[in-house]
Amino acid sequence: MLSAQRLSAHGRRDPLLPATSLHVRRGELLLVTGGRQDHRTALALLLSGRMKPSGGLVSWDGSERLKARRLASALVDSPGVNEPEQHLSVRDLVTEDLALIPRRYRGALVSGPWLKVNSFEDIADLWTEQVDPARRLELLTALALANPHTDLLVVDSPDRHTAVAADWLPRLQRLASDAGRPLAVVATVGALPPSWDGPAAAIGNAVPLESPKRAEGGVPDAANTTELETEVAT
């Protein structure tokens, strides 16, 4: 299970991530909403072990070690971090991503056979920017899972490519519930799809509420200084 308690990150001026709490188990898809792209990307980086938090705790299978979470996770399509470069063809992207898999797990993986086995030959010669959102997500998640040690998928803002939830939501649901390889899947999104009734959380859900007296410059009222700890829907 992935668990975060009051996870936060400082920025130069504003917080990169306001305090956020969440949890997600294998076999589950969690959608985390946030109105700002920088907040969503910071959360994705922290959960996947690509960035150290300024505060709070995050653990994977009970371990708070950054390395353990990083080795078990894959960060997918994070803007400004690892989203595909537009000048790359799909074939070149596959070649680059497969080369990042540790050699002892890579075996004979090369782009041509991989594209054929995974049914991406039809888009192999397209530029990455030409691939429609649904196929893009299918491709990028398949590449992430080429590493057999990936148990946690963190997908950064799949809804930024399309207003149609059907272009990304079903794929993530299938990956989470795959009986052969159940994954813990987290997707940061701008807003929850209207049809979504599964687990959800909101960025900033663990930020303390400001009491009325403090806002007026008076003495804090202990009865009004409780924290907003939005529970993850189950």
Foldseek 3Di string as FASTA:
>chain_A
DKWWFQFWAPDPPHTLFGGWTADWDFLAEEEAADQDQSHLLVVLCPQQLNDPTPDTFIDDPPDRDSVVSNQQEDEFQRPPPDHDDQVDAQLRVLQVLLVPAPPVLSPPDHSPVVCVVLVNPVRRGPGLVPDQLLVNQVSRVVSRCSHVSHQEYEYEASCVRDVDCVSPVVVQSCQCNPPVRTHTYYYYHNDDDPPDPGWYTYTNQFHWDAAPQVVVVHDGDPVRGDTRHDYTHD
